[in-house]
């Protein structure tokens, strides 16, 4: 079983691999969230923390389910740093979505790295 943050991170890692192997320098993909298991039934917020200056402690991917008690108490409902195995995040990105609404993620080749540069 995976949660909302891990499912998005898995999509990021998979698409980073596709970008790395291809000839284009930028790739935008759409992530379709699932409410179950361990997802958001209402609106939600996705936040990707900046990872460049905090390689050992920063860069988490946070999913906050609106109306969730964990989100109210801690500012997020689910989190992971798995995406950092494939990308770096040069600056914090955040977007709020309605229930079931998809997220667009943009990745870009930067030197020998893949950076996550857009979230919409």
N, C-alpha and C. Protein backbone atom coordinates (compact mmCIF):
# COMPACT_ATOMS: atom_id res chain seq x y z
N UNK A 1 0.84 -1.18 0.00
CA UNK A 1 0.00 0.00 0.00
C UNK A 1 0.89 1.25 0.00
N UNK A 2 0.52 2.22 -0.81
CA UNK A 2 1.24 3.47 -0.85
C UNK A 2 0.30 4.60 -0.47
N UNK A 3 0.88 5.76 -0.17
CA UNK A 3 0.06 6.92 0.15
C UNK A 3 0.17 7.95 -0.96
N UNK A 4 -0.55 9.06 -0.82
CA UNK A 4 -0.61 10.08 -1.86
C UNK A 4 0.76 10.66 -2.20
N UNK A 5 1.60 10.88 -1.20
CA UNK A 5 2.93 11.45 -1.44
C UNK A 5 3.82 10.46 -2.19
N UNK A 6 3.79 9.22 -1.78
CA UNK A 6 4.62 8.20 -2.43
C UNK A 6 4.21 7.96 -3.87
N UNK A 7 2.91 7.99 -4.15
CA UNK A 7 2.45 7.80 -5.53
C UNK A 7 2.93 8.93 -6.44
N UNK A 8 2.87 10.18 -5.94
CA UNK A 8 3.38 11.29 -6.74
C UNK A 8 4.88 11.18 -6.91
N UNK A 9 5.60 10.83 -5.85
CA UNK A 9 7.05 10.65 -5.94
C UNK A 9 7.42 9.58 -6.96
N UNK A 10 6.68 8.50 -6.99
CA UNK A 10 6.95 7.43 -7.97
C UNK A 10 6.76 7.94 -9.40
N UNK A 11 5.74 8.76 -9.63
CA UNK A 11 5.54 9.35 -10.96
C UNK A 11 6.71 10.28 -11.32
N UNK A 12 7.19 11.04 -10.34
CA UNK A 12 8.33 11.93 -10.58
C UNK A 12 9.57 11.14 -10.96
N UNK A 13 9.86 10.09 -10.21
CA UNK A 13 11.04 9.26 -10.48
C UNK A 13 10.94 8.62 -11.86
N UNK A 14 9.79 8.08 -12.19
CA UNK A 14 9.60 7.43 -13.50
C UNK A 14 9.79 8.44 -14.64
N UNK A 15 9.20 9.61 -14.52
CA UNK A 15 9.31 10.62 -15.57
C UNK A 15 10.70 11.23 -15.65
N UNK A 16 11.40 11.31 -14.53
CA UNK A 16 12.79 11.78 -14.56
C UNK A 16 13.66 10.80 -15.34
N UNK A 17 13.42 9.52 -15.17
CA UNK A 17 14.16 8.50 -15.93
C UNK A 17 13.90 8.61 -17.42
N UNK A 18 12.64 8.84 -17.79
CA UNK A 18 12.29 9.02 -19.20
C UNK A 18 12.99 10.25 -19.77
N UNK A 19 12.99 11.34 -19.03
CA UNK A 19 13.65 12.56 -19.47
C UNK A 19 15.15 12.34 -19.61
N UNK A 20 15.73 11.69 -18.64
CA UNK A 20 17.19 11.45 -18.64
C UNK A 20 17.61 10.65 -19.89
N UNK A 21 16.81 9.68 -20.27
CA UNK A 21 17.15 8.82 -21.43
C UNK A 21 16.84 9.47 -22.78
N UNK A 22 16.01 10.49 -22.79
CA UNK A 22 15.58 11.10 -24.04
C UNK A 22 16.46 12.26 -24.49
N UNK A 23 16.09 12.85 -25.62
CA UNK A 23 16.87 13.94 -26.19
C UNK A 23 16.31 15.33 -25.86
N UNK A 24 15.09 15.40 -25.34
CA UNK A 24 14.52 16.71 -24.99
C UNK A 24 15.08 17.16 -23.64
N UNK A 25 15.00 18.46 -23.36
CA UNK A 25 15.55 18.97 -22.10
C UNK A 25 14.48 19.24 -21.05
N UNK A 26 13.20 19.18 -21.46
CA UNK A 26 12.13 19.45 -20.50
C UNK A 26 10.97 18.49 -20.74
N UNK A 27 10.32 18.12 -19.65
CA UNK A 27 9.18 17.20 -19.74
C UNK A 27 8.15 17.62 -18.70
N UNK A 28 6.90 17.77 -19.15
CA UNK A 28 5.79 18.03 -18.24
C UNK A 28 4.87 16.82 -18.28
N UNK A 29 4.49 16.35 -17.11
CA UNK A 29 3.56 15.23 -17.04
C UNK A 29 2.43 15.56 -16.08
N UNK A 30 1.37 14.80 -16.19
CA UNK A 30 0.18 15.00 -15.35
C UNK A 30 0.07 13.83 -14.37
N UNK A 31 -0.06 14.16 -13.10
CA UNK A 31 -0.27 13.16 -12.05
C UNK A 31 -1.74 13.20 -11.67
N UNK A 32 -2.38 12.03 -11.72
CA UNK A 32 -3.79 11.90 -11.36
C UNK A 32 -3.88 11.29 -9.96
N UNK A 33 -4.27 12.08 -8.95
CA UNK A 33 -4.31 11.56 -7.58
C UNK A 33 -5.46 10.57 -7.37
N UNK A 34 -5.26 9.72 -6.39
CA UNK A 34 -6.32 8.78 -5.99
C UNK A 34 -6.66 9.06 -4.53
N UNK A 35 -7.93 9.03 -4.21
CA UNK A 35 -8.37 9.27 -2.84
C UNK A 35 -8.11 8.06 -1.95
N UNK A 36 -8.01 6.88 -2.56
CA UNK A 36 -7.84 5.67 -1.77
C UNK A 36 -6.82 4.76 -2.44
N UNK A 37 -6.02 4.07 -1.71
CA UNK A 37 -5.88 4.16 -0.26
C UNK A 37 -4.95 5.32 0.12
N UNK A 38 -5.15 5.84 1.29
CA UNK A 38 -4.29 6.86 1.87
C UNK A 38 -4.07 8.05 0.96
N UNK A 39 -5.17 8.64 0.55
CA UNK A 39 -5.13 9.84 -0.27
C UNK A 39 -6.09 10.87 0.26
N UNK A 40 -6.30 11.93 -0.49
CA UNK A 40 -7.16 13.03 -0.07
C UNK A 40 -8.53 12.92 -0.71
N UNK A 41 -9.55 12.96 0.09
CA UNK A 41 -10.92 12.90 -0.41
C UNK A 41 -11.44 14.29 -0.74
N UNK A 42 -10.87 15.31 -0.15
CA UNK A 42 -11.26 16.70 -0.41
C UNK A 42 -10.13 17.38 -1.17
N UNK A 43 -10.14 18.69 -1.18
CA UNK A 43 -9.05 19.42 -1.81
C UNK A 43 -7.74 19.12 -1.10
N UNK A 44 -6.64 19.47 -1.77
CA UNK A 44 -5.33 19.14 -1.21
C UNK A 44 -4.28 20.14 -1.67
N UNK A 45 -3.17 20.16 -0.98
CA UNK A 45 -2.04 21.00 -1.32
C UNK A 45 -0.82 20.11 -1.52
N UNK A 46 -0.05 20.39 -2.57
CA UNK A 46 1.23 19.72 -2.82
C UNK A 46 2.32 20.74 -2.59
N UNK A 47 3.31 20.40 -1.77
CA UNK A 47 4.47 21.26 -1.55
C UNK A 47 5.72 20.43 -1.75
N UNK A 48 6.63 20.95 -2.56
CA UNK A 48 7.95 20.34 -2.73
C UNK A 48 8.95 21.31 -2.14
N UNK A 49 9.61 20.89 -1.06
CA UNK A 49 10.59 21.74 -0.40
C UNK A 49 11.88 21.80 -1.21
N UNK A 50 12.53 22.93 -1.15
CA UNK A 50 13.82 23.12 -1.80
C UNK A 50 14.82 22.12 -1.24
N UNK A 51 15.64 21.53 -2.11
CA UNK A 51 16.54 20.46 -1.68
C UNK A 51 18.02 20.79 -1.83
N UNK A 52 18.38 21.84 -2.53
CA UNK A 52 19.78 22.08 -2.85
C UNK A 52 20.64 22.47 -1.65
N UNK A 53 20.09 23.25 -0.74
CA UNK A 53 20.87 23.74 0.39
C UNK A 53 20.70 22.89 1.65
N UNK A 54 19.87 21.90 1.57
CA UNK A 54 19.60 21.03 2.72
C UNK A 54 19.60 19.57 2.28
N UNK A 55 20.67 19.09 1.68
CA UNK A 55 20.62 17.75 1.09
C UNK A 55 20.35 16.62 2.07
N UNK A 56 20.65 16.81 3.34
CA UNK A 56 20.41 15.71 4.28
C UNK A 56 19.10 15.85 5.05
N UNK A 57 18.50 17.04 5.04
CA UNK A 57 17.31 17.20 5.86
C UNK A 57 16.15 17.90 5.16
N UNK A 58 16.34 18.40 3.97
CA UNK A 58 15.27 19.13 3.30
C UNK A 58 14.79 18.41 2.06
N UNK A 59 13.91 19.05 1.37
CA UNK A 59 13.47 18.53 0.10
C UNK A 59 12.30 17.58 0.15
N UNK A 60 11.55 17.56 1.22
CA UNK A 60 10.42 16.64 1.31
C UNK A 60 9.30 17.03 0.36
N UNK A 61 8.56 16.04 -0.08
CA UNK A 61 7.33 16.21 -0.84
C UNK A 61 6.21 16.05 0.18
N UNK A 62 5.39 17.08 0.34
CA UNK A 62 4.33 17.08 1.34
C UNK A 62 2.97 17.17 0.65
N UNK A 63 2.05 16.33 1.06
CA UNK A 63 0.66 16.38 0.60
C UNK A 63 -0.19 16.73 1.82
N UNK A 64 -0.96 17.79 1.70
CA UNK A 64 -1.86 18.19 2.77
C UNK A 64 -3.30 18.05 2.35
N UNK A 65 -4.04 17.18 3.00
CA UNK A 65 -5.45 16.97 2.69
C UNK A 65 -6.28 17.99 3.46
N UNK A 66 -6.95 18.88 2.75
CA UNK A 66 -7.76 19.91 3.39
C UNK A 66 -8.86 19.27 4.23
N UNK A 67 -9.00 19.75 5.45
CA UNK A 67 -10.00 19.22 6.35
C UNK A 67 -9.51 18.06 7.20
N UNK A 68 -8.31 17.57 6.93
CA UNK A 68 -7.72 16.45 7.66
C UNK A 68 -7.10 16.95 8.97
N UNK A 69 -7.30 16.24 10.06
CA UNK A 69 -6.78 16.69 11.36
C UNK A 69 -5.25 16.71 11.39
N UNK A 70 -4.61 15.78 10.70
CA UNK A 70 -3.14 15.76 10.64
C UNK A 70 -2.64 16.99 9.90
N UNK A 71 -3.30 17.38 8.82
CA UNK A 71 -2.93 18.57 8.07
C UNK A 71 -3.08 19.81 8.95
N UNK A 72 -4.17 19.88 9.70
CA UNK A 72 -4.40 21.03 10.59
C UNK A 72 -3.33 21.11 11.67
N UNK A 73 -2.91 19.98 12.19
CA UNK A 73 -1.93 19.96 13.29
C UNK A 73 -0.49 20.13 12.82
N UNK A 74 -0.14 19.54 11.67
CA UNK A 74 1.27 19.50 11.25
C UNK A 74 1.57 20.21 9.93
N UNK A 75 0.55 20.60 9.20
CA UNK A 75 0.75 21.28 7.93
C UNK A 75 0.87 20.34 6.74
N UNK A 76 0.77 19.04 6.98
CA UNK A 76 0.76 18.05 5.90
C UNK A 76 0.11 16.78 6.41
N UNK A 77 -0.34 15.95 5.46
CA UNK A 77 -0.96 14.67 5.80
C UNK A 77 -0.06 13.50 5.46
N UNK A 78 0.69 13.61 4.35
CA UNK A 78 1.60 12.55 3.89
C UNK A 78 2.89 13.20 3.43
N UNK A 79 4.00 12.49 3.58
CA UNK A 79 5.29 13.05 3.13
C UNK A 79 6.23 11.94 2.69
N UNK A 80 7.18 12.32 1.85
CA UNK A 80 8.23 11.41 1.41
C UNK A 80 9.39 12.23 0.88
N UNK A 81 10.54 11.61 0.78
CA UNK A 81 11.69 12.22 0.11
C UNK A 81 12.19 11.30 -1.01
N UNK A 82 11.40 10.30 -1.35
CA UNK A 82 11.80 9.32 -2.37
C UNK A 82 12.14 9.97 -3.71
N UNK A 83 11.42 11.02 -4.08
CA UNK A 83 11.67 11.70 -5.36
C UNK A 83 13.10 12.21 -5.49
N UNK A 84 13.76 12.45 -4.35
CA UNK A 84 15.13 12.99 -4.37
C UNK A 84 16.16 11.97 -4.88
N UNK A 85 15.75 10.73 -5.06
CA UNK A 85 16.64 9.75 -5.68
C UNK A 85 16.83 10.04 -7.16
N UNK A 86 15.94 10.86 -7.75
CA UNK A 86 15.98 11.12 -9.19
C UNK A 86 16.03 12.60 -9.57
N UNK A 87 15.59 13.48 -8.68
CA UNK A 87 15.53 14.91 -9.01
C UNK A 87 16.05 15.74 -7.85
N UNK A 88 16.35 16.99 -8.19
CA UNK A 88 16.59 17.98 -7.14
C UNK A 88 15.58 19.10 -7.34
N UNK A 89 15.31 19.81 -6.25
CA UNK A 89 14.29 20.87 -6.28
C UNK A 89 15.00 22.18 -5.93
N UNK A 90 15.22 23.07 -6.92
CA UNK A 90 16.01 24.27 -6.69
C UNK A 90 15.33 25.32 -5.81
N UNK A 91 14.01 25.33 -5.76
CA UNK A 91 13.29 26.25 -4.88
C UNK A 91 11.94 25.64 -4.54
N UNK A 92 11.39 26.06 -3.40
CA UNK A 92 10.12 25.48 -2.96
C UNK A 92 9.01 25.78 -3.96
N UNK A 93 8.19 24.78 -4.19
CA UNK A 93 7.03 24.88 -5.07
C UNK A 93 5.81 24.39 -4.32
N UNK A 94 4.67 25.05 -4.54
CA UNK A 94 3.45 24.64 -3.86
C UNK A 94 2.25 24.97 -4.74
N UNK A 95 1.24 24.12 -4.69
CA UNK A 95 0.01 24.35 -5.43
C UNK A 95 -1.15 23.74 -4.65
N UNK A 96 -2.29 24.42 -4.69
CA UNK A 96 -3.51 23.91 -4.05
C UNK A 96 -4.45 23.42 -5.15
N UNK A 97 -5.09 22.29 -4.92
CA UNK A 97 -5.98 21.67 -5.91
C UNK A 97 -7.32 21.30 -5.27
N UNK A 98 -8.33 21.21 -6.11
CA UNK A 98 -9.64 20.74 -5.68
C UNK A 98 -9.62 19.21 -5.62
N UNK A 99 -10.60 18.63 -4.97
CA UNK A 99 -10.70 17.17 -4.86
C UNK A 99 -10.64 16.52 -6.23
N UNK A 100 -9.74 15.57 -6.41
CA UNK A 100 -9.62 14.82 -7.65
C UNK A 100 -8.91 15.54 -8.78
N UNK A 101 -8.59 16.80 -8.60
CA UNK A 101 -7.93 17.58 -9.66
C UNK A 101 -6.48 17.12 -9.83
N UNK A 102 -6.03 17.02 -11.07
CA UNK A 102 -4.68 16.56 -11.38
C UNK A 102 -3.64 17.65 -11.16
N UNK A 103 -2.39 17.22 -11.06
CA UNK A 103 -1.25 18.11 -10.87
C UNK A 103 -0.32 17.97 -12.07
N UNK A 104 0.12 19.10 -12.62
CA UNK A 104 1.12 19.09 -13.68
C UNK A 104 2.49 19.35 -13.07
N UNK A 105 3.45 18.52 -13.43
CA UNK A 105 4.81 18.62 -12.91
C UNK A 105 5.76 18.80 -14.08
N UNK A 106 6.66 19.78 -13.98
CA UNK A 106 7.63 20.01 -15.04
C UNK A 106 9.04 19.71 -14.54
N UNK A 107 9.74 18.88 -15.30
CA UNK A 107 11.11 18.50 -15.02
C UNK A 107 12.01 19.06 -16.12
N UNK A 108 13.25 19.42 -15.75
CA UNK A 108 14.18 19.97 -16.74
C UNK A 108 15.59 19.43 -16.49
N UNK A 109 16.27 19.09 -17.59
CA UNK A 109 17.68 18.71 -17.49
C UNK A 109 18.50 19.97 -17.21
N UNK A 110 19.37 19.87 -16.23
CA UNK A 110 20.24 20.99 -15.87
C UNK A 110 21.62 20.42 -15.64
N UNK A 111 22.48 20.52 -16.64
CA UNK A 111 23.78 19.86 -16.54
C UNK A 111 23.55 18.37 -16.51
N UNK A 112 24.12 17.70 -15.53
CA UNK A 112 23.93 16.26 -15.39
C UNK A 112 22.78 15.86 -14.49
N UNK A 113 22.01 16.86 -14.02
CA UNK A 113 20.93 16.59 -13.07
C UNK A 113 19.57 16.83 -13.72
N UNK A 114 18.54 16.29 -13.07
CA UNK A 114 17.16 16.58 -13.43
C UNK A 114 16.59 17.42 -12.30
N UNK A 115 16.05 18.59 -12.66
CA UNK A 115 15.46 19.47 -11.66
C UNK A 115 13.95 19.50 -11.82
N UNK A 116 13.26 19.55 -10.71
CA UNK A 116 11.82 19.73 -10.71
C UNK A 116 11.58 21.24 -10.63
N UNK A 117 11.07 21.83 -11.73
CA UNK A 117 11.03 23.28 -11.85
C UNK A 117 9.61 23.86 -11.92
N UNK A 118 8.60 23.02 -12.06
CA UNK A 118 7.25 23.54 -12.17
C UNK A 118 6.22 22.64 -11.54
N UNK A 119 5.21 23.27 -10.96
CA UNK A 119 4.12 22.56 -10.31
C UNK A 119 2.87 23.39 -10.55
N UNK A 120 1.89 22.80 -11.19
CA UNK A 120 0.69 23.56 -11.52
C UNK A 120 -0.53 22.65 -11.38
